[in-house]
């Protein structure tokens, strides 16, 4: 239950989702993970999450590489009229140690009205 983005390519990796939701205040929860061999290498860059063009989070890849468990995201935001557009963007360059950039996974995505669990 998630989406994986290959990082370290020549262009940023992106995934988008559009949802029909009424205007209001929402809470987005998800987990970010960078499993496997990429943990052993230094990566420059970040994974950014946006909703309706608003920045919600920016997680340095170095933090993901050092975390042994998924990195939780829990943010509130205001959605205006029209579809809600959620974007995940990962841009990275492998370090000079020759490591593979790997795949960043976003999983357990949940969007609910703020104030609910």
N, C-alpha and C. Protein backbone atom coordinates (compact mmCIF):
# COMPACT_ATOMS: atom_id res chain seq x y z
N UNK A 1 0.83 -1.17 0.00
CA UNK A 1 0.00 0.00 0.00
C UNK A 1 0.88 1.24 0.00
N UNK A 2 1.46 1.55 -1.13
CA UNK A 2 2.31 2.72 -1.20
C UNK A 2 2.79 2.97 -2.61
N UNK A 3 3.67 3.96 -2.72
CA UNK A 3 4.27 4.30 -4.01
C UNK A 3 5.77 4.46 -3.78
N UNK A 4 6.55 3.95 -4.72
CA UNK A 4 8.00 4.06 -4.63
C UNK A 4 8.54 4.95 -5.72
N UNK A 5 9.48 5.82 -5.35
CA UNK A 5 10.13 6.72 -6.31
C UNK A 5 11.62 6.41 -6.34
N UNK A 6 12.14 6.13 -7.53
CA UNK A 6 13.58 5.92 -7.69
C UNK A 6 14.27 7.28 -7.63
N UNK A 7 15.22 7.42 -6.74
CA UNK A 7 15.92 8.70 -6.58
C UNK A 7 17.33 8.60 -7.13
N UNK A 8 17.87 9.74 -7.53
CA UNK A 8 19.21 9.79 -8.05
C UNK A 8 19.28 9.82 -9.56
N UNK A 9 18.13 9.86 -10.21
CA UNK A 9 18.11 9.96 -11.67
C UNK A 9 18.45 11.40 -12.07
N UNK A 10 18.49 11.65 -13.37
CA UNK A 10 18.86 12.99 -13.83
C UNK A 10 17.79 14.03 -13.53
N UNK A 11 16.56 13.62 -13.38
CA UNK A 11 15.48 14.55 -13.05
C UNK A 11 14.82 14.09 -11.75
N UNK A 12 14.16 15.01 -11.03
CA UNK A 12 13.45 14.58 -9.82
C UNK A 12 12.38 13.54 -10.16
N UNK A 13 12.17 12.61 -9.26
CA UNK A 13 11.09 11.63 -9.40
C UNK A 13 9.85 12.22 -8.75
N UNK A 14 8.70 12.06 -9.40
CA UNK A 14 7.47 12.66 -8.89
C UNK A 14 6.31 11.69 -8.97
N UNK A 15 5.39 11.83 -8.03
CA UNK A 15 4.12 11.11 -8.05
C UNK A 15 3.04 12.11 -7.65
N UNK A 16 1.88 12.00 -8.29
CA UNK A 16 0.78 12.92 -8.01
C UNK A 16 -0.51 12.14 -7.79
N UNK A 17 -1.36 12.72 -6.97
CA UNK A 17 -2.66 12.15 -6.67
C UNK A 17 -3.66 13.29 -6.59
N UNK A 18 -4.81 13.15 -7.24
CA UNK A 18 -5.89 14.14 -7.15
C UNK A 18 -7.10 13.49 -6.52
N UNK A 19 -7.66 14.19 -5.55
CA UNK A 19 -8.84 13.70 -4.83
C UNK A 19 -9.93 14.76 -4.86
N UNK A 20 -11.16 14.34 -4.94
CA UNK A 20 -12.29 15.27 -4.84
C UNK A 20 -12.67 15.40 -3.38
N UNK A 21 -12.34 16.54 -2.78
CA UNK A 21 -12.67 16.80 -1.38
C UNK A 21 -13.23 18.21 -1.26
N UNK A 22 -14.16 18.42 -0.36
CA UNK A 22 -14.66 19.78 -0.15
C UNK A 22 -13.59 20.65 0.51
N UNK A 23 -13.74 21.94 0.39
CA UNK A 23 -12.82 22.87 1.04
C UNK A 23 -12.85 22.63 2.55
N UNK A 24 -11.70 22.80 3.19
CA UNK A 24 -11.66 22.63 4.64
C UNK A 24 -10.26 22.38 5.14
N UNK A 25 -10.17 22.10 6.41
CA UNK A 25 -8.91 21.83 7.07
C UNK A 25 -8.74 20.31 7.14
N UNK A 26 -7.57 19.82 6.70
CA UNK A 26 -7.30 18.39 6.64
C UNK A 26 -5.99 18.05 7.33
N UNK A 27 -5.87 16.77 7.66
CA UNK A 27 -4.66 16.22 8.25
C UNK A 27 -4.16 15.11 7.34
N UNK A 28 -2.88 15.16 6.98
CA UNK A 28 -2.26 14.15 6.15
C UNK A 28 -1.26 13.39 7.01
N UNK A 29 -1.39 12.06 6.97
CA UNK A 29 -0.45 11.20 7.67
C UNK A 29 0.09 10.18 6.68
N UNK A 30 1.37 9.87 6.80
CA UNK A 30 2.01 8.89 5.92
C UNK A 30 3.35 8.49 6.53
N UNK A 31 3.96 7.48 5.94
CA UNK A 31 5.30 7.05 6.33
C UNK A 31 6.22 7.14 5.12
N UNK A 32 7.43 7.62 5.33
CA UNK A 32 8.48 7.63 4.31
C UNK A 32 9.56 6.65 4.72
N UNK A 33 10.09 5.92 3.74
CA UNK A 33 11.13 4.95 4.05
C UNK A 33 12.11 4.87 2.88
N UNK A 34 13.36 4.63 3.21
CA UNK A 34 14.41 4.41 2.21
C UNK A 34 15.10 3.10 2.59
N UNK A 35 14.51 1.98 2.19
CA UNK A 35 15.04 0.69 2.63
C UNK A 35 16.25 0.23 1.81
N UNK A 36 16.92 -0.76 2.33
CA UNK A 36 17.93 -1.48 1.56
C UNK A 36 19.29 -0.82 1.50
N UNK A 37 19.97 -1.06 0.39
CA UNK A 37 21.37 -0.67 0.23
C UNK A 37 21.60 0.82 0.29
N UNK A 38 20.60 1.61 -0.05
CA UNK A 38 20.79 3.06 -0.05
C UNK A 38 21.13 3.58 1.34
N UNK A 39 20.76 2.85 2.37
CA UNK A 39 21.07 3.28 3.74
C UNK A 39 22.58 3.39 3.99
N UNK A 40 23.36 2.66 3.24
CA UNK A 40 24.80 2.63 3.47
C UNK A 40 25.52 3.78 2.78
N UNK A 41 24.80 4.59 2.03
CA UNK A 41 25.44 5.65 1.25
C UNK A 41 24.88 7.01 1.61
N UNK A 42 25.71 8.02 1.44
CA UNK A 42 25.26 9.39 1.67
C UNK A 42 24.57 9.90 0.42
N UNK A 43 23.42 10.51 0.61
CA UNK A 43 22.67 11.08 -0.50
C UNK A 43 22.38 12.54 -0.20
N UNK A 44 22.56 13.36 -1.20
CA UNK A 44 22.16 14.76 -1.08
C UNK A 44 20.79 14.90 -1.71
N UNK A 45 19.95 15.70 -1.10
CA UNK A 45 18.62 15.92 -1.64
C UNK A 45 17.57 15.75 -0.58
N UNK A 46 16.31 15.78 -1.01
CA UNK A 46 15.20 15.70 -0.07
C UNK A 46 13.98 15.11 -0.75
N UNK A 47 13.05 14.68 0.09
CA UNK A 47 11.74 14.24 -0.36
C UNK A 47 10.76 15.29 0.12
N UNK A 48 10.00 15.84 -0.81
CA UNK A 48 9.07 16.91 -0.49
C UNK A 48 7.64 16.47 -0.75
N UNK A 49 6.76 16.84 0.16
CA UNK A 49 5.35 16.54 0.02
C UNK A 49 4.60 17.87 -0.02
N UNK A 50 3.71 18.00 -1.01
CA UNK A 50 2.93 19.24 -1.17
C UNK A 50 1.46 18.88 -1.35
N UNK A 51 0.59 19.78 -0.92
CA UNK A 51 -0.85 19.67 -1.16
C UNK A 51 -1.32 21.00 -1.70
N UNK A 52 -1.97 20.97 -2.83
CA UNK A 52 -2.43 22.19 -3.50
C UNK A 52 -1.29 23.19 -3.67
N UNK A 53 -0.09 22.68 -3.91
CA UNK A 53 1.07 23.54 -4.10
C UNK A 53 1.70 24.04 -2.81
N UNK A 54 1.06 23.79 -1.67
CA UNK A 54 1.60 24.21 -0.38
C UNK A 54 2.64 23.19 0.10
N UNK A 55 3.82 23.62 0.49
CA UNK A 55 4.78 22.67 1.05
C UNK A 55 4.28 22.14 2.40
N UNK A 56 4.24 20.83 2.53
CA UNK A 56 3.81 20.22 3.79
C UNK A 56 4.99 19.67 4.58
N UNK A 57 5.94 19.07 3.87
CA UNK A 57 7.12 18.53 4.55
C UNK A 57 8.27 18.43 3.57
N UNK A 58 9.47 18.52 4.12
CA UNK A 58 10.70 18.30 3.36
C UNK A 58 11.62 17.47 4.25
N UNK A 59 11.89 16.26 3.83
CA UNK A 59 12.70 15.33 4.63
C UNK A 59 14.01 15.07 3.91
N UNK A 60 15.14 15.45 4.51
CA UNK A 60 16.42 15.17 3.87
C UNK A 60 16.63 13.66 3.69
N UNK A 61 17.14 13.29 2.54
CA UNK A 61 17.42 11.88 2.28
C UNK A 61 18.42 11.31 3.28
N UNK A 62 19.33 12.13 3.75
CA UNK A 62 20.30 11.66 4.75
C UNK A 62 19.58 11.19 6.01
N UNK A 63 18.51 11.88 6.40
CA UNK A 63 17.73 11.46 7.58
C UNK A 63 17.07 10.11 7.33
N UNK A 64 16.49 9.94 6.13
CA UNK A 64 15.84 8.67 5.81
C UNK A 64 16.86 7.54 5.78
N UNK A 65 18.05 7.82 5.28
CA UNK A 65 19.08 6.79 5.18
C UNK A 65 19.55 6.33 6.55
N UNK A 66 19.48 7.21 7.55
CA UNK A 66 19.93 6.84 8.89
C UNK A 66 18.82 6.26 9.76
N UNK A 67 17.57 6.52 9.42
CA UNK A 67 16.45 5.98 10.20
C UNK A 67 16.36 4.48 9.98
N UNK A 68 16.15 3.73 11.02
CA UNK A 68 15.99 2.28 10.90
C UNK A 68 14.53 1.89 10.72
N UNK A 69 13.64 2.83 10.96
CA UNK A 69 12.21 2.60 10.77
C UNK A 69 11.67 3.70 9.86
N UNK A 70 10.46 3.52 9.42
CA UNK A 70 9.84 4.53 8.55
C UNK A 70 9.74 5.88 9.27
N UNK A 71 9.89 6.94 8.51
CA UNK A 71 9.82 8.31 9.03
C UNK A 71 8.37 8.78 8.94
N UNK A 72 7.72 9.06 10.07
CA UNK A 72 6.31 9.46 10.01
C UNK A 72 6.14 10.92 9.58
N UNK A 73 5.08 11.15 8.83
CA UNK A 73 4.67 12.50 8.47
C UNK A 73 3.27 12.69 9.03
N UNK A 74 3.04 13.81 9.69
CA UNK A 74 1.74 14.12 10.27
C UNK A 74 1.59 15.64 10.22
N UNK A 75 0.87 16.14 9.22
CA UNK A 75 0.74 17.58 9.02
C UNK A 75 -0.71 17.96 8.75
N UNK A 76 -1.06 19.17 9.16
CA UNK A 76 -2.38 19.72 8.87
C UNK A 76 -2.24 20.80 7.80
N UNK A 77 -3.27 20.95 6.98
CA UNK A 77 -3.23 21.95 5.93
C UNK A 77 -4.66 22.36 5.58
N UNK A 78 -4.78 23.49 4.89
CA UNK A 78 -6.08 23.99 4.45
C UNK A 78 -6.22 23.75 2.96
N UNK A 79 -7.33 23.16 2.58
CA UNK A 79 -7.64 22.89 1.17
C UNK A 79 -8.73 23.84 0.72
N UNK A 80 -8.51 24.49 -0.42
CA UNK A 80 -9.52 25.38 -0.99
C UNK A 80 -10.50 24.60 -1.85
N UNK A 81 -11.26 25.30 -2.63
CA UNK A 81 -12.25 24.66 -3.50
C UNK A 81 -11.56 23.89 -4.62
N UNK A 82 -12.25 22.88 -5.15
CA UNK A 82 -11.72 22.09 -6.27
C UNK A 82 -11.01 20.85 -5.80
N UNK A 83 -10.41 20.11 -6.75
CA UNK A 83 -9.72 18.87 -6.37
C UNK A 83 -8.48 19.15 -5.52
N UNK A 84 -8.20 18.23 -4.63
CA UNK A 84 -6.98 18.29 -3.81
C UNK A 84 -5.88 17.58 -4.58
N UNK A 85 -4.81 18.29 -4.87
CA UNK A 85 -3.66 17.72 -5.57
C UNK A 85 -2.53 17.50 -4.57
N UNK A 86 -2.13 16.25 -4.40
CA UNK A 86 -1.04 15.89 -3.51
C UNK A 86 0.13 15.46 -4.37
N UNK A 87 1.32 16.01 -4.09
CA UNK A 87 2.52 15.70 -4.87
C UNK A 87 3.63 15.22 -3.94
N UNK A 88 4.33 14.20 -4.39
CA UNK A 88 5.52 13.70 -3.73
C UNK A 88 6.67 13.86 -4.72
N UNK A 89 7.71 14.57 -4.32
CA UNK A 89 8.85 14.82 -5.20
C UNK A 89 10.12 14.42 -4.46
N UNK A 90 10.92 13.59 -5.11
CA UNK A 90 12.21 13.18 -4.54
C UNK A 90 13.30 13.58 -5.51
N UNK A 91 14.19 14.43 -5.03
CA UNK A 91 15.35 14.76 -5.87
C UNK A 91 16.61 14.44 -5.08
N UNK A 92 17.52 13.77 -5.74
CA UNK A 92 18.74 13.34 -5.07
C UNK A 92 19.84 13.14 -6.07
N UNK A 93 21.05 13.25 -5.58
CA UNK A 93 22.21 12.87 -6.36
C UNK A 93 23.02 11.92 -5.48
N UNK A 94 23.41 10.79 -6.00
CA UNK A 94 24.22 9.88 -5.19
C UNK A 94 25.53 10.54 -4.80
N UNK A 95 26.03 10.17 -3.67
CA UNK A 95 27.31 10.72 -3.22
C UNK A 95 28.43 10.19 -4.10
N UNK A 96 29.59 10.74 -3.90
CA UNK A 96 30.74 10.33 -4.70
C UNK A 96 31.27 8.95 -4.31
N UNK A 97 30.67 8.35 -3.27
CA UNK A 97 31.14 7.01 -2.89
C UNK A 97 30.59 5.93 -3.81
N UNK A 98 29.82 6.34 -4.84
CA UNK A 98 29.35 5.40 -5.84
C UNK A 98 28.13 4.60 -5.45
N UNK A 99 27.46 5.00 -4.37
CA UNK A 99 26.31 4.25 -3.89
C UNK A 99 25.08 4.42 -4.78
N UNK A 100 24.25 3.41 -4.75
CA UNK A 100 22.98 3.47 -5.45
C UNK A 100 22.01 4.32 -4.67
N UNK A 101 21.24 5.14 -5.37
CA UNK A 101 20.32 6.03 -4.68
C UNK A 101 19.16 5.27 -4.06
N UNK A 102 18.66 4.26 -4.70
CA UNK A 102 17.58 3.46 -4.13
C UNK A 102 16.19 4.00 -4.42
N UNK A 103 15.23 3.52 -3.65
CA UNK A 103 13.83 3.88 -3.84
C UNK A 103 13.27 4.40 -2.53
N UNK A 104 12.65 5.56 -2.59
CA UNK A 104 11.95 6.13 -1.44
C UNK A 104 10.50 5.67 -1.53
N UNK A 105 9.99 5.14 -0.42
CA UNK A 105 8.61 4.64 -0.37
C UNK A 105 7.75 5.55 0.49
N UNK A 106 6.59 5.92 -0.03
CA UNK A 106 5.55 6.60 0.74
C UNK A 106 4.45 5.57 0.94
N UNK A 107 4.10 5.31 2.18
CA UNK A 107 3.07 4.31 2.47
C UNK A 107 2.14 4.80 3.58
N UNK A 108 1.07 4.06 3.77
CA UNK A 108 0.08 4.35 4.81
C UNK A 108 -0.46 5.77 4.71
N UNK A 109 -0.67 6.25 3.50
CA UNK A 109 -1.21 7.60 3.29
C UNK A 109 -2.64 7.67 3.78
N UNK A 110 -2.91 8.68 4.59
CA UNK A 110 -4.25 8.91 5.10
C UNK A 110 -4.50 10.41 5.10
N UNK A 111 -5.62 10.81 4.50
CA UNK A 111 -6.04 12.22 4.50
C UNK A 111 -7.44 12.25 5.10
N UNK A 112 -7.60 12.99 6.17
CA UNK A 112 -8.88 13.06 6.86
C UNK A 112 -9.12 14.49 7.35
N UNK A 113 -10.36 14.84 7.60
CA UNK A 113 -10.61 16.16 8.18
C UNK A 113 -9.79 16.35 9.45
N UNK A 114 -9.21 17.52 9.63
CA UNK A 114 -8.42 17.80 10.83
C UNK A 114 -9.31 17.64 12.05
N UNK A 115 -8.75 17.10 13.11
CA UNK A 115 -9.52 16.87 14.33
C UNK A 115 -10.05 15.46 14.44
N UNK A 116 -9.88 14.64 13.38
CA UNK A 116 -10.28 13.24 13.46
C UNK A 116 -9.03 12.38 13.47
N UNK A 117 -9.14 11.16 13.92
CA UNK A 117 -7.97 10.29 13.96
C UNK A 117 -8.10 9.16 13.01
